[in-house]
C-alpha atoms as a PDB file:
ATOM      1  CA  MET A   1       1.896   2.819  -9.429  1.00  0.00           C
ATOM      2  CA  ASN A   2       1.727   2.876 -13.239  1.00  0.00           C
ATOM      3  CA  HIS A   3      -2.025   2.290 -13.215  1.00  0.00           C
ATOM      4  CA  ALA A   4      -2.468   5.118 -10.723  1.00  0.00           C
ATOM      5  CA  THR A   5      -0.350   7.408 -12.886  1.00  0.00           C
ATOM      6  CA  LEU A   6      -2.536   6.538 -15.854  1.00  0.00           C
ATOM      7  CA  GLY A   7      -5.637   7.301 -13.811  1.00  0.00           C
ATOM      8  CA  ASP A   8      -6.943   3.733 -13.487  1.00  0.00           C
ATOM      9  CA  LEU A   9      -7.187   3.835  -9.703  1.00  0.00           C
ATOM     10  CA  GLY A  10      -9.435   0.786  -9.403  1.00  0.00           C
ATOM     11  CA  VAL A  11      -6.915  -1.458 -11.114  1.00  0.00           C
ATOM     12  CA  ALA A  12      -4.083   0.188  -9.170  1.00  0.00           C
ATOM     13  CA  GLU A  13      -5.790  -0.602  -5.870  1.00  0.00           C
ATOM     14  CA  GLU A  14      -6.473  -4.179  -6.933  1.00  0.00           C
ATOM     15  CA  HIS A  15      -2.841  -4.708  -7.970  1.00  0.00           C
ATOM     16  CA  LEU A  16      -1.553  -3.241  -4.704  1.00  0.00           C
ATOM     17  CA  HIS A  17      -3.670  -5.660  -2.679  1.00  0.00           C
ATOM     18  CA  LEU A  18      -2.135  -8.672  -4.458  1.00  0.00           C
ATOM     19  CA  PRO A  19       1.332  -8.526  -2.850  1.00  0.00           C
ATOM     20  CA  LEU A  20      -0.231  -8.024   0.571  1.00  0.00           C
ATOM     21  CA  ASP A  21      -2.120 -11.289   0.104  1.00  0.00           C
ATOM     22  CA  ILE A  22       0.958 -13.276  -0.952  1.00  0.00           C
ATOM     23  CA  HIS A  23       2.031 -15.562   1.835  1.00  0.00           C
ATOM     24  CA  GLY A  24       5.712 -15.218   2.518  1.00  0.00           C
ATOM     25  CA  LEU A  25       6.223 -11.696   1.231  1.00  0.00           C
ATOM     26  CA  ASP A  26       9.306 -11.325   3.353  1.00  0.00           C
ATOM     27  CA  ARG A  27      11.090  -8.292   2.015  1.00  0.00           C
ATOM     28  CA  LYS A  28      10.288  -5.842   4.762  1.00  0.00           C
ATOM     29  CA  ARG A  29      10.950  -2.790   2.630  1.00  0.00           C
ATOM     30  CA  THR A  30       8.540  -4.020  -0.054  1.00  0.00           C
ATOM     31  CA  ARG A  31       5.999  -4.922   2.615  1.00  0.00           C
ATOM     32  CA  ALA A  32       6.200  -1.299   3.838  1.00  0.00           C
ATOM     33  CA  ILE A  33       6.058   0.397   0.425  1.00  0.00           C
ATOM     34  CA  VAL A  34       2.890  -1.356  -0.743  1.00  0.00           C
ATOM     35  CA  PRO A  35       0.576   0.101   1.954  1.00  0.00           C
ATOM     36  CA  ALA A  36       2.103   3.546   1.400  1.00  0.00           C
ATOM     37  CA  ASP A  37       1.135   3.410  -2.285  1.00  0.00           C
ATOM     38  CA  LEU A  38      -2.211   1.807  -1.479  1.00  0.00           C
ATOM     39  CA  GLY A  39      -3.107   4.603   0.941  1.00  0.00           C
ATOM     40  CA  HIS A  40      -2.323   7.162  -1.755  1.00  0.00           C
ATOM     41  CA  VAL A  41      -4.567   5.374  -4.260  1.00  0.00           C
ATOM     42  CA  GLN A  42      -7.363   5.022  -1.700  1.00  0.00           C
ATOM     43  CA  LEU A  43      -7.245   8.744  -0.963  1.00  0.00           C
ATOM     44  CA  ASN A  44      -7.335   9.598  -4.673  1.00  0.00           C
ATOM     45  CA  ARG A  45     -10.331   7.286  -5.123  1.00  0.00           C
ATOM     46  CA  GLY A  46     -12.180   9.235  -2.423  1.00  0.00           C
ATOM     47  CA  ASN A  47     -11.810   6.606   0.285  1.00  0.00           C
ATOM     48  CA  ALA A  48     -10.619   9.106   2.898  1.00  0.00           C
ATOM     49  CA  PRO A  49     -11.643   6.962   5.913  1.00  0.00           C
ATOM     50  CA  GLN A  50      -9.554   3.964   4.784  1.00  0.00           C
ATOM     51  CA  ALA A  51      -6.428   5.812   3.617  1.00  0.00           C
ATOM     52  CA  PRO A  52      -5.175   6.840   7.111  1.00  0.00           C
ATOM     53  CA  ALA A  53      -5.618   3.290   8.400  1.00  0.00           C
ATOM     54  CA  THR A  54      -3.595   1.992   5.464  1.00  0.00           C
ATOM     55  CA  TRP A  55      -0.890   4.592   6.120  1.00  0.00           C
ATOM     56  CA  CYS A  56      -0.771   3.425   9.743  1.00  0.00           C
ATOM     57  CA  ASP A  57      -0.063  -0.075   8.400  1.00  0.00           C
ATOM     58  CA  PHE A  58       2.721   1.470   6.331  1.00  0.00           C
ATOM     59  CA  LEU A  59       4.224   3.170   9.390  1.00  0.00           C
ATOM     60  CA  ASN A  60       4.086  -0.064  11.378  1.00  0.00           C
ATOM     61  CA  CYS A  61       5.794  -1.969   8.562  1.00  0.00           C
ATOM     62  CA  ALA A  62       8.376   0.775   8.089  1.00  0.00           C
ATOM     63  CA  ASN A  63       9.214   0.752  11.791  1.00  0.00           C
ATOM     64  CA  CYS A  64       9.660  -3.025  11.694  1.00  0.00           C
ATOM     65  CA  ALA A  65      11.865  -2.745   8.602  1.00  0.00           C
ATOM     66  CA  ASN A  66      14.085  -0.234  10.387  1.00  0.00           C
ATOM     67  CA  ASP A  67      14.389  -2.505  13.420  1.00  0.00           C
ATOM     68  CA  ALA A  68      15.793  -5.355  11.337  1.00  0.00           C
END
């Protein structure tokens, strides 16, 4: 979230998509945190329609992480 803190939301969003694309990202907690941060960046960039969908992905991942 350093790029987001610095105000470079485009780069922040791009960097948050990278771990989601990595095959084998198996740490469930990390897999849950990334969409939470991504939804925040999307909302700050004005992408209000996409942010809730991303947060739903976060909730799904978080629920799976708690089940493990």
